[in-house]
N, C-alpha and C. Protein backbone atom coordinates (compact mmCIF):
# COMPACT_ATOMS: atom_id res chain seq x y z
N MET A 1 96.50 8.33 235.15
CA MET A 1 97.56 7.67 234.42
C MET A 1 98.87 8.39 234.69
N GLY A 2 99.92 7.61 234.93
CA GLY A 2 101.22 8.19 235.19
C GLY A 2 101.90 8.64 233.90
N THR A 3 102.95 9.43 234.07
CA THR A 3 103.70 9.95 232.93
C THR A 3 104.30 8.82 232.10
N GLU A 4 104.87 7.83 232.76
CA GLU A 4 105.48 6.72 232.03
C GLU A 4 104.44 5.98 231.19
N THR A 5 103.24 5.81 231.72
CA THR A 5 102.18 5.12 230.98
C THR A 5 101.81 5.90 229.73
N VAL A 6 101.69 7.22 229.86
CA VAL A 6 101.35 8.06 228.72
C VAL A 6 102.45 7.97 227.65
N ILE A 7 103.70 8.00 228.09
CA ILE A 7 104.83 7.92 227.14
C ILE A 7 104.80 6.59 226.40
N VAL A 8 104.61 5.51 227.14
CA VAL A 8 104.59 4.18 226.51
C VAL A 8 103.42 4.07 225.53
N LEU A 9 102.25 4.53 225.92
CA LEU A 9 101.10 4.49 225.02
C LEU A 9 101.35 5.33 223.76
N ALA A 10 101.94 6.50 223.92
CA ALA A 10 102.26 7.35 222.77
C ALA A 10 103.26 6.65 221.84
N LEU A 11 104.25 5.99 222.44
CA LEU A 11 105.23 5.27 221.63
C LEU A 11 104.60 4.09 220.90
N VAL A 12 103.69 3.39 221.56
CA VAL A 12 103.01 2.26 220.92
C VAL A 12 102.15 2.74 219.75
N VAL A 13 101.40 3.81 219.96
CA VAL A 13 100.57 4.36 218.88
C VAL A 13 101.46 4.86 217.74
N GLY A 14 102.53 5.58 218.08
CA GLY A 14 103.45 6.07 217.06
C GLY A 14 104.10 4.94 216.28
N ALA A 15 104.53 3.91 216.98
CA ALA A 15 105.14 2.76 216.31
C ALA A 15 104.13 2.06 215.42
N GLY A 16 102.91 1.88 215.92
CA GLY A 16 101.86 1.26 215.10
C GLY A 16 101.60 2.04 213.83
N PHE A 17 101.54 3.37 213.95
CA PHE A 17 101.34 4.23 212.77
C PHE A 17 102.50 4.07 211.79
N LEU A 18 103.73 4.09 212.30
CA LEU A 18 104.89 3.96 211.42
C LEU A 18 104.98 2.58 210.78
N PHE A 19 104.58 1.54 211.52
CA PHE A 19 104.56 0.20 210.94
C PHE A 19 103.52 0.10 209.83
N LEU A 20 102.34 0.69 210.06
CA LEU A 20 101.27 0.64 209.07
C LEU A 20 101.60 1.44 207.81
N THR A 21 102.14 2.63 207.99
CA THR A 21 102.41 3.49 206.83
C THR A 21 103.72 3.15 206.14
N GLU A 22 104.59 2.45 206.84
CA GLU A 22 105.90 2.06 206.31
C GLU A 22 106.70 3.26 205.81
N THR A 23 106.56 4.40 206.50
CA THR A 23 107.34 5.58 206.14
C THR A 23 108.80 5.42 206.52
N LEU A 24 109.05 4.61 207.53
CA LEU A 24 110.41 4.28 207.94
C LEU A 24 110.55 2.76 207.95
N PRO A 25 111.75 2.25 207.71
CA PRO A 25 111.93 0.79 207.79
C PRO A 25 111.62 0.27 209.20
N ILE A 26 111.16 -0.95 209.26
CA ILE A 26 110.75 -1.56 210.53
C ILE A 26 111.88 -1.56 211.55
N ASP A 27 113.10 -1.88 211.09
CA ASP A 27 114.21 -1.93 212.03
C ASP A 27 114.53 -0.56 212.61
N VAL A 28 114.38 0.49 211.80
CA VAL A 28 114.62 1.86 212.30
C VAL A 28 113.59 2.22 213.35
N VAL A 29 112.33 1.88 213.10
CA VAL A 29 111.27 2.17 214.07
C VAL A 29 111.53 1.43 215.38
N ALA A 30 111.87 0.15 215.29
CA ALA A 30 112.11 -0.65 216.50
C ALA A 30 113.27 -0.10 217.31
N LEU A 31 114.36 0.25 216.65
CA LEU A 31 115.52 0.80 217.37
C LEU A 31 115.21 2.18 217.95
N THR A 32 114.41 2.96 217.25
CA THR A 32 114.02 4.28 217.75
C THR A 32 113.15 4.14 219.00
N ILE A 33 112.23 3.20 219.00
CA ILE A 33 111.38 2.96 220.17
C ILE A 33 112.24 2.53 221.35
N MET A 34 113.19 1.63 221.09
CA MET A 34 114.08 1.18 222.15
C MET A 34 114.86 2.36 222.72
N ALA A 35 115.40 3.20 221.83
CA ALA A 35 116.17 4.37 222.29
C ALA A 35 115.29 5.34 223.07
N ALA A 36 114.07 5.54 222.63
CA ALA A 36 113.16 6.45 223.33
C ALA A 36 112.84 5.92 224.73
N LEU A 37 112.60 4.62 224.84
CA LEU A 37 112.32 4.05 226.15
C LEU A 37 113.51 4.22 227.10
N ILE A 38 114.71 4.11 226.56
CA ILE A 38 115.91 4.30 227.38
C ILE A 38 116.06 5.76 227.76
N LEU A 39 115.89 6.67 226.79
CA LEU A 39 116.06 8.11 227.05
C LEU A 39 115.04 8.64 228.05
N PHE A 40 113.82 8.12 228.01
CA PHE A 40 112.81 8.57 228.97
C PHE A 40 112.95 7.88 230.33
N GLY A 41 113.90 6.96 230.44
CA GLY A 41 114.15 6.30 231.71
C GLY A 41 113.15 5.22 232.06
N ILE A 42 112.38 4.77 231.09
CA ILE A 42 111.38 3.75 231.35
C ILE A 42 112.05 2.38 231.49
N ILE A 43 113.10 2.16 230.71
CA ILE A 43 113.91 0.96 230.87
C ILE A 43 115.37 1.39 230.97
N THR A 44 116.18 0.53 231.54
CA THR A 44 117.61 0.85 231.66
C THR A 44 118.30 0.49 230.34
N PRO A 45 119.47 1.06 230.09
CA PRO A 45 120.21 0.69 228.88
C PRO A 45 120.49 -0.82 228.81
N GLU A 46 120.75 -1.44 229.95
CA GLU A 46 121.00 -2.88 229.96
C GLU A 46 119.76 -3.65 229.51
N GLU A 47 118.57 -3.22 229.99
CA GLU A 47 117.33 -3.87 229.57
C GLU A 47 117.07 -3.61 228.08
N GLY A 48 117.41 -2.43 227.62
CA GLY A 48 117.16 -2.07 226.22
C GLY A 48 117.93 -2.91 225.23
N ILE A 49 119.17 -3.23 225.57
CA ILE A 49 119.98 -4.00 224.62
C ILE A 49 120.09 -5.47 225.00
N ALA A 50 119.36 -5.90 226.03
CA ALA A 50 119.44 -7.29 226.48
C ALA A 50 119.06 -8.28 225.39
N GLY A 51 118.12 -7.90 224.52
CA GLY A 51 117.69 -8.79 223.45
C GLY A 51 118.80 -9.13 222.47
N PHE A 52 119.76 -8.22 222.31
CA PHE A 52 120.84 -8.45 221.37
C PHE A 52 121.83 -9.49 221.88
N SER A 53 121.81 -9.76 223.18
CA SER A 53 122.72 -10.77 223.72
C SER A 53 122.03 -12.11 223.90
N ASN A 54 120.76 -12.18 223.56
CA ASN A 54 120.00 -13.40 223.70
C ASN A 54 120.41 -14.38 222.59
N ARG A 55 120.66 -15.63 222.97
CA ARG A 55 121.06 -16.63 221.99
C ARG A 55 120.02 -16.81 220.89
N ALA A 56 118.75 -16.68 221.24
CA ALA A 56 117.69 -16.85 220.24
C ALA A 56 117.78 -15.77 219.17
N THR A 57 118.03 -14.53 219.58
CA THR A 57 118.16 -13.44 218.62
C THR A 57 119.35 -13.67 217.69
N ILE A 58 120.45 -14.09 218.25
CA ILE A 58 121.65 -14.35 217.44
C ILE A 58 121.41 -15.52 216.50
N THR A 59 120.72 -16.55 216.95
CA THR A 59 120.42 -17.71 216.11
C THR A 59 119.53 -17.31 214.93
N ILE A 60 118.51 -16.52 215.20
CA ILE A 60 117.61 -16.07 214.14
C ILE A 60 118.37 -15.21 213.13
N GLY A 61 119.22 -14.32 213.62
CA GLY A 61 120.05 -13.52 212.72
C GLY A 61 120.96 -14.37 211.86
N ALA A 62 121.56 -15.39 212.46
CA ALA A 62 122.45 -16.29 211.71
C ALA A 62 121.68 -17.06 210.65
N LEU A 63 120.44 -17.45 210.96
CA LEU A 63 119.63 -18.16 209.97
C LEU A 63 119.30 -17.27 208.78
N PHE A 64 119.06 -15.99 209.04
CA PHE A 64 118.79 -15.07 207.93
C PHE A 64 120.06 -14.86 207.10
N VAL A 65 121.22 -14.83 207.72
CA VAL A 65 122.48 -14.72 206.98
C VAL A 65 122.67 -15.96 206.11
N LEU A 66 122.40 -17.13 206.67
CA LEU A 66 122.49 -18.37 205.91
C LEU A 66 121.55 -18.35 204.71
N SER A 67 120.33 -17.91 204.93
CA SER A 67 119.35 -17.84 203.85
C SER A 67 119.81 -16.88 202.75
N ALA A 68 120.32 -15.73 203.15
CA ALA A 68 120.81 -14.77 202.16
C ALA A 68 121.98 -15.35 201.38
N GLY A 69 122.85 -16.10 202.05
CA GLY A 69 123.98 -16.73 201.37
C GLY A 69 123.52 -17.74 200.33
N LEU A 70 122.50 -18.53 200.67
CA LEU A 70 121.96 -19.50 199.71
C LEU A 70 121.36 -18.79 198.50
N PHE A 71 120.73 -17.67 198.74
CA PHE A 71 120.11 -16.92 197.65
C PHE A 71 121.17 -16.25 196.77
N LYS A 72 122.13 -15.59 197.40
CA LYS A 72 123.16 -14.84 196.65
C LYS A 72 124.10 -15.75 195.86
N THR A 73 124.38 -16.93 196.39
CA THR A 73 125.29 -17.83 195.68
C THR A 73 124.60 -18.57 194.55
N GLY A 74 123.29 -18.51 194.51
CA GLY A 74 122.56 -19.20 193.45
C GLY A 74 122.23 -20.64 193.77
N ALA A 75 122.55 -21.08 194.98
CA ALA A 75 122.27 -22.47 195.36
C ALA A 75 120.76 -22.75 195.28
N ALA A 76 119.96 -21.78 195.66
CA ALA A 76 118.51 -21.97 195.60
C ALA A 76 118.03 -22.02 194.15
N ASN A 77 118.71 -21.33 193.27
CA ASN A 77 118.31 -21.34 191.85
C ASN A 77 118.50 -22.71 191.22
N VAL A 78 119.47 -23.47 191.72
CA VAL A 78 119.69 -24.83 191.20
C VAL A 78 118.43 -25.66 191.42
N VAL A 79 117.84 -25.52 192.59
CA VAL A 79 116.59 -26.24 192.88
C VAL A 79 115.49 -25.74 191.95
N GLY A 80 115.45 -24.44 191.72
CA GLY A 80 114.44 -23.86 190.84
C GLY A 80 114.55 -24.38 189.42
N VAL A 81 115.75 -24.47 188.89
CA VAL A 81 115.97 -24.99 187.53
C VAL A 81 115.53 -26.45 187.47
N PHE A 82 115.89 -27.22 188.48
CA PHE A 82 115.51 -28.63 188.54
C PHE A 82 113.98 -28.78 188.55
N LEU A 83 113.31 -27.97 189.40
CA LEU A 83 111.85 -28.06 189.48
C LEU A 83 111.19 -27.60 188.20
N SER A 84 111.76 -26.61 187.54
CA SER A 84 111.21 -26.13 186.29
C SER A 84 111.29 -27.20 185.20
N ARG A 85 112.39 -27.93 185.17
CA ARG A 85 112.54 -29.03 184.21
C ARG A 85 111.51 -30.13 184.50
N LEU A 86 111.32 -30.42 185.79
CA LEU A 86 110.31 -31.42 186.16
C LEU A 86 108.92 -30.97 185.74
N GLY A 87 108.67 -29.68 185.88
CA GLY A 87 107.35 -29.13 185.58
C GLY A 87 106.93 -29.30 184.15
N ARG A 88 107.89 -29.34 183.27
CA ARG A 88 107.56 -29.53 181.86
C ARG A 88 107.07 -30.95 181.60
N ARG A 89 107.40 -31.87 182.49
CA ARG A 89 106.98 -33.26 182.32
C ARG A 89 105.65 -33.54 183.03
N SER A 90 105.57 -33.11 184.32
CA SER A 90 104.37 -33.42 185.10
C SER A 90 104.15 -32.35 186.17
N TYR A 91 102.99 -31.71 186.13
CA TYR A 91 102.65 -30.69 187.13
C TYR A 91 102.61 -31.31 188.53
N TRP A 92 101.97 -32.47 188.65
CA TRP A 92 101.79 -33.09 189.97
C TRP A 92 103.11 -33.55 190.56
N PHE A 93 103.97 -34.08 189.74
CA PHE A 93 105.29 -34.51 190.23
C PHE A 93 106.12 -33.30 190.66
N THR A 94 106.01 -32.22 189.88
CA THR A 94 106.71 -30.98 190.24
C THR A 94 106.19 -30.43 191.56
N LEU A 95 104.88 -30.44 191.71
CA LEU A 95 104.27 -29.95 192.95
C LEU A 95 104.76 -30.76 194.14
N LEU A 96 104.78 -32.07 194.01
CA LEU A 96 105.25 -32.93 195.09
C LEU A 96 106.73 -32.69 195.39
N ALA A 97 107.55 -32.63 194.35
CA ALA A 97 108.99 -32.39 194.54
C ALA A 97 109.24 -31.03 195.18
N MET A 98 108.48 -30.02 194.74
CA MET A 98 108.62 -28.68 195.30
C MET A 98 108.26 -28.68 196.79
N MET A 99 107.15 -29.30 197.13
CA MET A 99 106.71 -29.29 198.52
C MET A 99 107.67 -30.06 199.42
N VAL A 100 108.19 -31.18 198.94
CA VAL A 100 109.13 -31.96 199.76
C VAL A 100 110.43 -31.18 199.96
N SER A 101 110.96 -30.58 198.88
CA SER A 101 112.22 -29.85 199.01
C SER A 101 112.06 -28.60 199.87
N ILE A 102 110.97 -27.89 199.72
CA ILE A 102 110.75 -26.68 200.53
C ILE A 102 110.49 -27.06 201.98
N GLY A 103 109.74 -28.13 202.21
CA GLY A 103 109.51 -28.60 203.58
C GLY A 103 110.81 -29.00 204.25
N ALA A 104 111.68 -29.70 203.52
CA ALA A 104 112.97 -30.11 204.08
C ALA A 104 113.86 -28.90 204.38
N LEU A 105 113.92 -27.95 203.46
CA LEU A 105 114.72 -26.74 203.72
C LEU A 105 114.17 -25.95 204.90
N SER A 106 112.84 -25.86 204.99
CA SER A 106 112.22 -25.08 206.07
C SER A 106 112.48 -25.69 207.44
N ALA A 107 112.77 -26.96 207.48
CA ALA A 107 113.07 -27.59 208.77
C ALA A 107 114.41 -27.13 209.31
N PHE A 108 115.31 -26.72 208.43
CA PHE A 108 116.66 -26.36 208.87
C PHE A 108 117.03 -24.91 208.60
N MET A 109 116.14 -24.18 208.01
CA MET A 109 116.28 -22.73 207.84
C MET A 109 114.98 -22.10 208.33
N ASN A 110 114.99 -20.83 208.57
CA ASN A 110 113.78 -20.14 208.96
C ASN A 110 112.77 -20.24 207.83
N HIS A 111 111.56 -20.70 208.13
CA HIS A 111 110.58 -20.93 207.07
C HIS A 111 110.18 -19.66 206.34
N THR A 112 110.22 -18.52 207.01
CA THR A 112 109.92 -17.25 206.34
C THR A 112 110.98 -16.94 205.29
N ALA A 113 112.23 -17.18 205.63
CA ALA A 113 113.32 -16.94 204.68
C ALA A 113 113.23 -17.88 203.48
N VAL A 114 112.82 -19.13 203.71
CA VAL A 114 112.66 -20.07 202.60
C VAL A 114 111.60 -19.57 201.64
N VAL A 115 110.49 -19.08 202.17
CA VAL A 115 109.43 -18.54 201.31
C VAL A 115 109.96 -17.35 200.52
N ALA A 116 110.68 -16.45 201.19
CA ALA A 116 111.22 -15.28 200.51
C ALA A 116 112.17 -15.68 199.38
N ILE A 117 112.96 -16.71 199.60
CA ILE A 117 113.88 -17.18 198.56
C ILE A 117 113.12 -17.83 197.41
N PHE A 118 112.09 -18.60 197.72
CA PHE A 118 111.43 -19.40 196.69
C PHE A 118 110.30 -18.70 195.96
N ILE A 119 109.80 -17.58 196.42
CA ILE A 119 108.72 -16.91 195.70
C ILE A 119 109.12 -16.60 194.26
N PRO A 120 110.26 -15.94 194.01
CA PRO A 120 110.59 -15.68 192.60
C PRO A 120 110.83 -16.96 191.80
N ILE A 121 111.39 -17.97 192.44
CA ILE A 121 111.64 -19.24 191.75
C ILE A 121 110.32 -19.89 191.37
N VAL A 122 109.38 -19.93 192.31
CA VAL A 122 108.09 -20.55 192.06
C VAL A 122 107.32 -19.77 191.00
N LEU A 123 107.41 -18.45 191.00
CA LEU A 123 106.75 -17.65 189.96
C LEU A 123 107.33 -17.96 188.58
N ASP A 124 108.65 -18.14 188.52
CA ASP A 124 109.29 -18.52 187.24
C ASP A 124 108.82 -19.90 186.79
N ILE A 125 108.73 -20.83 187.73
CA ILE A 125 108.27 -22.18 187.39
C ILE A 125 106.83 -22.12 186.87
N ALA A 126 105.97 -21.35 187.54
CA ALA A 126 104.58 -21.22 187.11
C ALA A 126 104.51 -20.67 185.69
N ARG A 127 105.33 -19.68 185.40
CA ARG A 127 105.35 -19.10 184.06
C ARG A 127 105.86 -20.13 183.04
N ASP A 128 106.92 -20.85 183.41
CA ASP A 128 107.51 -21.83 182.50
C ASP A 128 106.55 -22.97 182.17
N ILE A 129 105.82 -23.44 183.16
CA ILE A 129 104.92 -24.59 182.92
C ILE A 129 103.49 -24.15 182.64
N ARG A 130 103.28 -22.85 182.58
CA ARG A 130 101.99 -22.25 182.19
C ARG A 130 100.83 -22.67 183.10
N VAL A 131 101.04 -22.47 184.42
CA VAL A 131 99.96 -22.67 185.39
C VAL A 131 99.81 -21.39 186.20
N SER A 132 98.66 -21.24 186.81
CA SER A 132 98.42 -20.08 187.65
C SER A 132 99.40 -20.09 188.83
N PRO A 133 100.02 -18.96 189.14
CA PRO A 133 100.96 -18.93 190.28
C PRO A 133 100.34 -19.39 191.60
N SER A 134 99.05 -19.14 191.78
CA SER A 134 98.41 -19.55 193.04
C SER A 134 98.44 -21.06 193.23
N LYS A 135 98.51 -21.81 192.15
CA LYS A 135 98.55 -23.27 192.26
C LYS A 135 99.90 -23.76 192.79
N LEU A 136 100.89 -22.87 192.80
CA LEU A 136 102.19 -23.23 193.37
C LEU A 136 102.52 -22.42 194.62
N LEU A 137 101.99 -21.20 194.73
CA LEU A 137 102.32 -20.35 195.88
C LEU A 137 101.67 -20.84 197.18
N MET A 138 100.43 -21.30 197.11
CA MET A 138 99.79 -21.82 198.33
C MET A 138 100.50 -23.07 198.83
N PRO A 139 100.82 -24.03 197.96
CA PRO A 139 101.61 -25.18 198.43
C PRO A 139 102.98 -24.77 198.97
N LEU A 140 103.58 -23.73 198.39
CA LEU A 140 104.85 -23.19 198.90
C LEU A 140 104.68 -22.76 200.35
N ALA A 141 103.64 -21.98 200.60
CA ALA A 141 103.41 -21.48 201.96
C ALA A 141 103.15 -22.62 202.94
N PHE A 142 102.29 -23.56 202.56
CA PHE A 142 101.94 -24.65 203.46
C PHE A 142 103.12 -25.58 203.73
N SER A 143 103.88 -25.89 202.69
CA SER A 143 105.01 -26.80 202.90
C SER A 143 106.11 -26.14 203.73
N SER A 144 106.28 -24.82 203.59
CA SER A 144 107.29 -24.15 204.42
C SER A 144 106.86 -24.13 205.88
N MET A 145 105.57 -23.93 206.12
CA MET A 145 105.09 -23.97 207.51
C MET A 145 105.22 -25.38 208.08
N PHE A 146 104.92 -26.37 207.26
CA PHE A 146 105.04 -27.76 207.69
C PHE A 146 106.47 -28.07 208.12
N GLY A 147 107.44 -27.71 207.29
CA GLY A 147 108.84 -27.96 207.63
C GLY A 147 109.28 -27.16 208.84
N GLY A 148 108.76 -25.93 208.95
CA GLY A 148 109.15 -25.05 210.05
C GLY A 148 108.74 -25.54 211.42
N VAL A 149 107.64 -26.28 211.48
CA VAL A 149 107.17 -26.76 212.80
C VAL A 149 107.74 -28.12 213.17
N CYS A 150 108.60 -28.66 212.34
CA CYS A 150 109.17 -29.99 212.62
C CYS A 150 110.49 -29.94 213.39
N THR A 151 111.15 -28.78 213.41
CA THR A 151 112.42 -28.66 214.14
C THR A 151 112.44 -27.38 214.97
N LEU A 152 113.37 -27.32 215.87
CA LEU A 152 113.51 -26.15 216.72
C LEU A 152 113.88 -24.91 215.92
N ILE A 153 114.77 -25.04 214.95
CA ILE A 153 115.25 -23.86 214.23
C ILE A 153 114.42 -23.51 213.01
N GLY A 154 113.37 -24.27 212.70
CA GLY A 154 112.55 -23.99 211.54
C GLY A 154 111.68 -22.77 211.71
N SER A 155 111.40 -22.38 212.93
CA SER A 155 110.53 -21.24 213.20
C SER A 155 111.16 -20.36 214.28
N SER A 156 111.16 -19.06 214.04
CA SER A 156 111.69 -18.12 215.03
C SER A 156 110.95 -18.24 216.35
N THR A 157 109.66 -18.49 216.28
CA THR A 157 108.86 -18.61 217.49
C THR A 157 109.35 -19.76 218.36
N SER A 158 109.67 -20.88 217.76
CA SER A 158 110.15 -22.04 218.52
C SER A 158 111.47 -21.73 219.22
N ILE A 159 112.35 -21.03 218.53
CA ILE A 159 113.64 -20.65 219.12
C ILE A 159 113.42 -19.74 220.32
N LEU A 160 112.53 -18.76 220.16
CA LEU A 160 112.26 -17.82 221.26
C LEU A 160 111.61 -18.51 222.44
N VAL A 161 110.67 -19.40 222.18
CA VAL A 161 109.99 -20.12 223.28
C VAL A 161 111.00 -20.99 224.03
N SER A 162 111.91 -21.63 223.30
CA SER A 162 112.93 -22.45 223.96
C SER A 162 113.82 -21.59 224.84
N ALA A 163 114.21 -20.41 224.34
CA ALA A 163 115.06 -19.51 225.13
C ALA A 163 114.34 -19.01 226.37
N ILE A 164 113.05 -18.69 226.24
CA ILE A 164 112.27 -18.21 227.38
C ILE A 164 112.10 -19.33 228.41
N ALA A 165 111.84 -20.54 227.93
CA ALA A 165 111.72 -21.68 228.85
C ALA A 165 113.01 -21.88 229.62
N GLU A 166 114.15 -21.76 228.92
CA GLU A 166 115.45 -21.94 229.57
C GLU A 166 115.71 -20.84 230.59
N GLN A 167 115.30 -19.61 230.29
CA GLN A 167 115.47 -18.51 231.24
C GLN A 167 114.64 -18.71 232.50
N ASN A 168 113.55 -19.46 232.36
CA ASN A 168 112.67 -19.70 233.51
C ASN A 168 112.94 -21.03 234.19
N GLY A 169 114.13 -21.58 233.97
CA GLY A 169 114.55 -22.78 234.68
C GLY A 169 114.14 -24.09 234.05
N GLU A 170 113.49 -24.06 232.91
CA GLU A 170 113.10 -25.28 232.23
C GLU A 170 114.23 -25.71 231.30
N PRO A 171 114.29 -26.98 230.95
CA PRO A 171 115.33 -27.41 229.99
C PRO A 171 114.98 -26.88 228.60
N PRO A 172 115.99 -26.56 227.79
CA PRO A 172 115.69 -26.09 226.43
C PRO A 172 115.11 -27.23 225.59
N PHE A 173 114.37 -26.86 224.56
CA PHE A 173 113.79 -27.87 223.67
C PHE A 173 114.88 -28.50 222.82
N GLY A 174 114.71 -29.75 222.49
CA GLY A 174 115.64 -30.44 221.60
C GLY A 174 115.37 -30.10 220.15
N MET A 175 116.34 -30.35 219.30
CA MET A 175 116.24 -30.01 217.89
C MET A 175 115.00 -30.61 217.23
N PHE A 176 114.69 -31.87 217.49
CA PHE A 176 113.58 -32.53 216.83
C PHE A 176 112.41 -32.80 217.78
N GLU A 177 112.34 -32.05 218.88
CA GLU A 177 111.29 -32.29 219.87
C GLU A 177 109.90 -32.00 219.30
N PHE A 178 109.80 -31.10 218.32
CA PHE A 178 108.51 -30.75 217.74
C PHE A 178 108.12 -31.68 216.59
N ALA A 179 109.03 -32.52 216.16
CA ALA A 179 108.80 -33.33 214.95
C ALA A 179 107.56 -34.21 215.04
N GLY A 180 107.35 -34.82 216.19
CA GLY A 180 106.18 -35.70 216.34
C GLY A 180 104.88 -34.98 216.07
N LEU A 181 104.70 -33.82 216.68
CA LEU A 181 103.49 -33.04 216.44
C LEU A 181 103.51 -32.38 215.07
N GLY A 182 104.68 -31.92 214.64
CA GLY A 182 104.78 -31.26 213.35
C GLY A 182 104.42 -32.18 212.19
N LEU A 183 104.84 -33.43 212.27
CA LEU A 183 104.52 -34.39 211.20
C LEU A 183 103.04 -34.71 211.14
N ILE A 184 102.38 -34.66 212.28
CA ILE A 184 100.92 -34.91 212.29
C ILE A 184 100.22 -33.82 211.52
């Protein structure tokens, strides 16, 4: 085994340990690994920071900023208050309204961010209408995944795959190209 191979394997094991133990934040570990690969000469500085200039990375970052803005401004809480009021009338109608609204939001925001925003809201709704949180959290997860696979920007994976396809000479995916399969 060459020196570079040993270094990369050591970095992978070290990163895996740090990710599992969460002694350092994930972003710090990732940037440290990138810096170590550059310092050891395994990758060039241009290769190390190339991901930051990728449109997919910038798009995903912008979606997280949008999600944080919706959460901080309280716009997401408006939906939570509305769903909580519905819940006092009918559990099933609330469940349907929650799944439709979360699915629709997930189509145009990162579905992981939608779940992060709605977990506290859904827990409050469960408490308000006196049902087990699992009866609302599982539908939250499923409806966010459903919405996420219906558009290009609903899932980080779709954005990355489109960018990789474009880098390899293929046309980028359209905004609603996944909708046909996603709706199924």
